[in-house]
N, C-alpha and C. Protein backbone atom coordinates (compact mmCIF):
# COMPACT_ATOMS: atom_id res chain seq x y z
N MET A 1 -0.28 67.04 109.36
CA MET A 1 0.26 67.86 108.56
C MET A 1 -0.78 68.06 107.33
N SER A 2 -0.91 69.25 106.78
CA SER A 2 -1.68 69.22 105.78
C SER A 2 -0.90 68.77 104.27
N LYS A 3 -1.75 68.56 103.36
CA LYS A 3 -1.32 68.01 102.13
C LYS A 3 -0.45 69.26 101.43
N ALA A 4 -0.76 70.45 101.68
CA ALA A 4 -0.19 71.56 101.01
C ALA A 4 1.32 71.83 101.59
N THR A 5 1.53 71.53 103.00
CA THR A 5 2.66 71.56 103.45
C THR A 5 3.61 70.47 103.04
N LEU A 6 3.05 69.37 102.97
CA LEU A 6 3.92 68.29 102.32
C LEU A 6 4.44 68.42 100.82
N GLN A 7 3.42 69.16 100.10
CA GLN A 7 3.97 69.42 98.78
C GLN A 7 5.06 70.42 98.66
N VAL A 8 4.99 71.45 99.70
CA VAL A 8 6.07 72.57 99.57
C VAL A 8 7.47 71.78 100.06
N LEU A 9 7.37 70.86 101.07
CA LEU A 9 8.67 70.33 101.40
C LEU A 9 9.24 69.33 100.26
N HIS A 10 8.24 68.63 99.61
CA HIS A 10 8.60 67.93 98.51
C HIS A 10 9.17 68.55 97.35
N GLU A 11 8.61 69.63 96.98
CA GLU A 11 9.19 70.36 95.88
C GLU A 11 10.83 71.12 96.09
N ASP A 12 11.10 71.38 97.36
CA ASP A 12 12.35 71.83 97.69
C ASP A 12 13.27 70.63 97.62
N ASP A 13 12.80 69.32 97.87
CA ASP A 13 13.81 68.33 98.03
C ASP A 13 14.11 67.76 96.67
N ASP A 14 13.48 68.33 95.51
CA ASP A 14 13.66 67.67 94.20
C ASP A 14 14.62 68.70 93.59
N ASP A 15 14.90 69.84 94.01
CA ASP A 15 15.73 70.90 93.40
C ASP A 15 17.14 70.48 93.40
N PRO A 16 17.87 70.06 92.42
CA PRO A 16 19.24 69.73 92.47
C PRO A 16 20.24 71.00 92.48
N MET A 17 19.71 72.11 92.39
CA MET A 17 20.46 73.29 92.52
C MET A 17 20.88 73.66 93.87
N LEU A 18 20.04 73.29 94.79
CA LEU A 18 20.32 73.56 96.21
C LEU A 18 21.62 72.83 96.66
N SER A 19 21.76 71.54 96.23
CA SER A 19 23.00 70.97 96.68
C SER A 19 24.18 71.58 96.09
N ALA A 20 24.09 71.99 94.91
CA ALA A 20 25.19 72.48 94.14
C ALA A 20 25.64 73.73 94.66
N VAL A 21 24.62 74.56 95.19
CA VAL A 21 24.94 75.83 95.83
C VAL A 21 25.60 75.60 97.04
N ASN A 22 25.14 74.57 97.98
CA ASN A 22 25.77 74.26 99.21
C ASN A 22 27.30 73.80 98.98
N LEU A 23 27.42 73.12 97.96
CA LEU A 23 28.96 72.69 97.65
C LEU A 23 29.79 73.72 97.35
N VAL A 24 29.35 74.70 96.45
CA VAL A 24 30.13 75.93 96.14
C VAL A 24 30.43 76.59 97.38
N ASP A 25 29.52 76.78 98.22
CA ASP A 25 29.77 77.55 99.59
C ASP A 25 30.81 76.76 100.41
N VAL A 26 30.74 75.49 100.37
CA VAL A 26 31.91 74.83 101.28
C VAL A 26 33.31 74.96 100.49
N PHE A 27 33.16 74.87 99.13
CA PHE A 27 34.51 75.02 98.57
C PHE A 27 35.10 76.40 98.65
N LEU A 28 34.28 77.36 98.67
CA LEU A 28 34.69 78.77 98.87
C LEU A 28 35.46 78.85 100.22
N VAL A 29 34.75 78.38 101.14
CA VAL A 29 35.17 78.55 102.63
C VAL A 29 36.57 77.81 102.77
N LEU A 30 36.79 76.61 101.99
CA LEU A 30 37.95 75.95 102.05
C LEU A 30 39.12 76.63 101.31
N VAL A 31 38.70 77.34 100.29
CA VAL A 31 39.67 77.99 99.38
C VAL A 31 40.26 79.23 100.13
N VAL A 32 39.29 79.97 100.93
CA VAL A 32 39.68 81.07 101.69
C VAL A 32 40.61 80.65 102.82
N ALA A 33 40.46 79.45 103.47
CA ALA A 33 41.20 78.91 104.62
C ALA A 33 42.47 78.58 104.03
N LEU A 34 42.49 77.86 102.86
CA LEU A 34 43.88 77.51 102.33
C LEU A 34 44.79 78.77 101.87
N MET A 35 44.07 79.75 101.43
CA MET A 35 44.61 81.00 100.98
C MET A 35 45.36 81.69 102.28
N THR A 36 44.59 81.71 103.30
CA THR A 36 45.06 82.31 104.53
C THR A 36 46.19 81.73 105.09
N ALA A 37 46.07 80.31 105.17
CA ALA A 37 47.23 79.50 105.69
C ALA A 37 48.56 79.68 104.90
N VAL A 38 48.41 79.66 103.52
CA VAL A 38 49.60 79.94 102.72
C VAL A 38 50.16 81.33 102.95
N ALA A 39 49.24 82.42 102.96
CA ALA A 39 49.76 83.83 103.36
C ALA A 39 50.47 83.88 104.52
N ALA A 40 49.93 83.19 105.62
CA ALA A 40 50.71 83.24 107.06
C ALA A 40 51.88 82.47 106.81
N GLN A 41 52.00 81.44 106.13
CA GLN A 41 53.24 80.71 106.21
C GLN A 41 54.32 81.51 105.18
N LYS A 42 54.07 82.17 104.16
CA LYS A 42 54.96 83.01 103.34
C LYS A 42 55.55 84.02 104.35
N GLN A 43 54.68 84.69 105.13
CA GLN A 43 55.44 85.90 105.82
C GLN A 43 56.26 85.47 106.79
N SER A 44 56.30 84.44 107.45
CA SER A 44 57.25 84.09 108.49
C SER A 44 58.11 82.93 107.96
N ALA A 45 58.27 82.81 106.82
CA ALA A 45 59.17 81.55 106.39
C ALA A 45 60.44 82.11 105.98
N VAL A 46 61.51 81.64 106.87
CA VAL A 46 62.93 81.97 106.64
C VAL A 46 63.37 80.51 106.41
N PRO A 47 64.04 80.11 105.18
CA PRO A 47 64.62 78.87 105.07
C PRO A 47 65.56 78.46 106.09
N GLU A 48 65.78 77.22 106.28
CA GLU A 48 66.79 76.78 107.37
C GLU A 48 68.24 77.15 107.00
N GLY A 49 68.92 77.49 107.74
CA GLY A 49 70.17 77.96 107.62
C GLY A 49 70.52 79.43 106.87
N ALA A 50 69.31 80.00 106.61
CA ALA A 50 69.31 81.47 105.91
C ALA A 50 69.61 82.57 106.90
N THR A 51 70.16 83.60 106.61
CA THR A 51 70.13 84.83 107.31
C THR A 51 69.55 85.79 106.41
N VAL A 52 68.82 86.62 107.41
CA VAL A 52 68.12 87.75 106.91
C VAL A 52 68.47 89.02 107.55
N VAL A 53 68.88 90.06 106.70
CA VAL A 53 69.22 91.32 107.33
C VAL A 53 68.05 92.32 107.05
N ARG A 54 67.31 92.92 108.04
CA ARG A 54 66.37 93.94 108.09
C ARG A 54 67.02 95.28 108.39
N ASN A 55 66.57 96.27 107.58
CA ASN A 55 67.11 97.75 107.76
C ASN A 55 68.49 97.72 107.73
N ALA A 56 69.10 97.28 106.77
CA ALA A 56 70.51 97.19 106.78
C ALA A 56 71.15 98.51 106.69
N GLY A 57 72.20 98.87 107.55
CA GLY A 57 72.87 100.00 107.47
C GLY A 57 72.02 101.23 108.41
N GLN A 58 70.91 100.62 109.02
CA GLN A 58 70.19 101.62 109.78
C GLN A 58 70.59 101.41 111.20
N PRO A 59 70.19 102.34 112.11
CA PRO A 59 70.60 102.10 113.60
C PRO A 59 69.79 101.07 114.02
N ASP A 60 68.58 100.92 113.73
CA ASP A 60 67.81 99.67 114.17
C ASP A 60 67.90 98.41 113.22
N MET A 61 68.90 98.09 112.75
CA MET A 61 69.21 96.94 111.91
C MET A 61 69.09 95.68 112.68
N GLU A 62 68.67 94.60 112.19
CA GLU A 62 68.29 93.22 112.82
C GLU A 62 68.71 92.28 111.80
N ILE A 63 69.48 91.24 112.49
CA ILE A 63 69.82 89.99 111.70
C ILE A 63 69.04 88.88 112.14
N VAL A 64 68.46 88.10 111.29
CA VAL A 64 67.49 87.03 111.80
C VAL A 64 68.12 85.84 111.09
N VAL A 65 68.56 84.83 111.96
CA VAL A 65 69.30 83.48 111.57
C VAL A 65 68.33 82.29 111.85
N ARG A 66 67.99 81.59 110.80
CA ARG A 66 67.05 80.33 111.12
C ARG A 66 67.97 79.14 111.60
N GLU A 67 67.83 78.70 112.76
CA GLU A 67 68.66 77.49 113.28
C GLU A 67 67.62 76.56 113.99
N LYS A 68 67.48 75.32 113.57
CA LYS A 68 66.89 74.20 113.94
C LYS A 68 65.50 74.56 114.25
N GLY A 69 64.86 75.13 113.22
CA GLY A 69 63.32 75.63 113.22
C GLY A 69 62.99 76.59 114.04
N LYS A 70 63.98 77.39 114.73
CA LYS A 70 63.79 78.75 115.59
C LYS A 70 64.45 79.79 115.00
N ASP A 71 63.98 81.03 115.00
CA ASP A 71 64.49 82.26 114.53
C ASP A 71 65.45 82.82 115.80
N VAL A 72 66.75 83.02 115.54
CA VAL A 72 67.65 83.71 116.55
C VAL A 72 67.78 85.16 115.87
N ARG A 73 67.43 86.21 116.74
CA ARG A 73 67.55 87.33 116.29
C ARG A 73 68.51 88.29 117.25
N PHE A 74 69.27 89.10 116.21
CA PHE A 74 70.47 89.98 116.80
C PHE A 74 70.04 91.28 116.27
N LYS A 75 70.00 92.17 117.33
CA LYS A 75 69.54 93.57 117.00
C LYS A 75 70.73 94.53 117.26
N GLY A 76 70.91 95.49 116.37
CA GLY A 76 72.02 96.52 116.48
C GLY A 76 71.75 97.53 117.54
N SER A 77 72.77 98.03 118.12
CA SER A 77 72.63 99.01 119.34
C SER A 77 72.38 100.34 118.78
N GLY A 78 72.75 100.61 117.46
CA GLY A 78 72.64 102.01 116.85
C GLY A 78 74.05 102.73 116.85
N SER A 79 75.04 102.10 117.46
CA SER A 79 76.18 102.90 117.35
C SER A 79 77.20 101.87 116.87
N ALA A 80 78.52 102.34 116.48
CA ALA A 80 79.44 101.43 115.90
C ALA A 80 79.86 100.59 117.01
N SER A 81 80.25 99.26 116.56
CA SER A 81 80.73 98.25 117.56
C SER A 81 82.36 98.46 117.83
N ALA A 82 82.56 98.36 119.20
CA ALA A 82 83.93 98.37 119.62
C ALA A 82 84.03 97.25 120.76
N GLY A 83 85.11 96.53 120.74
CA GLY A 83 85.38 95.44 121.55
C GLY A 83 86.60 95.41 122.10
N GLN A 84 86.73 94.62 123.11
CA GLN A 84 88.23 94.56 123.71
C GLN A 84 88.62 93.06 123.37
N GLY A 85 89.75 93.14 122.70
CA GLY A 85 90.13 91.65 122.15
C GLY A 85 91.71 91.92 121.85
N VAL A 86 92.20 90.88 121.45
CA VAL A 86 93.65 90.99 121.01
C VAL A 86 93.90 90.27 119.60
N ARG A 87 94.84 90.72 118.97
CA ARG A 87 94.99 90.31 117.68
C ARG A 87 95.34 88.76 117.62
N ALA A 88 94.76 88.03 116.76
CA ALA A 88 95.07 86.59 116.73
C ALA A 88 95.80 86.10 115.69
N GLY A 89 95.98 86.84 114.74
CA GLY A 89 96.95 86.57 113.58
C GLY A 89 96.43 87.31 112.40
N VAL A 90 97.13 86.96 111.26
CA VAL A 90 97.05 87.68 109.99
C VAL A 90 96.55 86.71 108.95
N ALA A 91 95.57 87.05 108.07
CA ALA A 91 94.97 86.45 107.02
C ALA A 91 95.52 87.07 105.65
N TYR A 92 95.97 86.27 104.67
CA TYR A 92 96.51 86.70 103.39
C TYR A 92 95.53 85.94 102.32
N THR A 93 95.33 86.65 101.25
CA THR A 93 94.67 86.14 100.01
C THR A 93 95.66 85.79 99.02
N LEU A 94 95.60 84.65 98.48
CA LEU A 94 96.72 84.21 97.48
C LEU A 94 96.02 84.56 96.09
N GLU A 95 97.23 84.37 95.13
CA GLU A 95 96.71 84.76 93.86
C GLU A 95 95.63 83.94 93.29
N ASP A 96 95.44 82.59 93.66
CA ASP A 96 94.52 81.73 93.12
C ASP A 96 93.17 81.94 93.99
N GLY A 97 93.00 82.80 95.07
CA GLY A 97 91.72 83.15 95.59
C GLY A 97 91.64 82.50 96.92
N THR A 98 92.54 81.70 97.24
CA THR A 98 92.46 80.93 98.63
C THR A 98 93.05 81.90 99.74
N MET A 99 92.30 81.65 100.89
CA MET A 99 92.82 82.42 102.12
C MET A 99 93.71 81.72 103.03
N VAL A 100 94.85 82.28 103.55
CA VAL A 100 95.67 81.78 104.39
C VAL A 100 95.79 82.39 105.66
N TYR A 101 95.46 81.72 106.83
CA TYR A 101 95.49 82.36 108.05
C TYR A 101 96.72 81.87 108.93
N ILE A 102 97.52 82.82 109.34
CA ILE A 102 98.63 82.57 110.16
C ILE A 102 98.36 83.12 111.59
N PRO A 103 98.30 82.17 112.50
CA PRO A 103 98.21 82.62 113.85
C PRO A 103 99.45 83.21 114.50
N GLU A 104 99.36 84.22 115.36
CA GLU A 104 100.42 84.72 115.94
C GLU A 104 100.77 84.33 117.40
N ASP A 105 102.00 84.09 117.91
CA ASP A 105 102.22 83.85 119.21
C ASP A 105 101.87 84.82 120.20
N LYS A 106 101.46 84.59 121.35
CA LYS A 106 101.18 85.58 122.25
C LYS A 106 102.44 86.38 122.72
N ALA A 107 103.45 85.85 122.86
CA ALA A 107 104.67 86.36 123.30
C ALA A 107 105.18 87.29 122.27
N ALA A 108 105.25 86.88 121.08
CA ALA A 108 106.04 87.73 120.06
C ALA A 108 104.98 87.96 118.87
N PRO A 109 104.28 89.07 118.86
CA PRO A 109 103.52 89.50 117.79
C PRO A 109 104.17 89.74 116.63
N ALA A 110 104.00 89.32 115.41
CA ALA A 110 104.56 89.54 114.20
C ALA A 110 104.07 90.97 113.61
N ALA A 111 104.81 91.45 112.62
CA ALA A 111 104.42 92.51 111.88
C ALA A 111 103.41 92.25 110.89
N ALA A 112 102.38 93.01 110.49
CA ALA A 112 101.28 92.73 109.69
C ALA A 112 101.62 92.93 108.28
N ALA A 113 102.96 93.01 107.86
CA ALA A 113 103.26 93.13 106.34
C ALA A 113 103.23 91.88 105.59
N PRO A 114 102.45 91.82 104.47
CA PRO A 114 102.42 90.56 103.80
C PRO A 114 103.74 90.23 103.16
N ALA A 115 103.88 88.91 103.06
CA ALA A 115 105.01 88.50 102.53
C ALA A 115 105.06 88.41 101.01
N LYS A 116 106.22 88.52 100.33
CA LYS A 116 106.10 88.42 98.80
C LYS A 116 107.05 87.55 98.20
């Protein structure tokens, strides 16, 4: 190699700004990667045991419940619900705010009038 080529390579090695520029580039890449990871985590994060209602009151309503690290989704059918069932009992709210549930016998259903 010629002496001129060695001098060019040697001059580039002495410049301290080149290493600083390389470090800034590395930190920029790390910051962008961390911001992307945080944004992705925020979008899908539903706290454990939380219930999220999407499109409330709309025909395409969806309920998302977080159980054991998995999302359980319930979708509405777009119509009012109707089921086949039997009356199980009567619930009363007392003056202090507590709820009392009184189950009914299947043989003799009681009237739904509250006791006073």
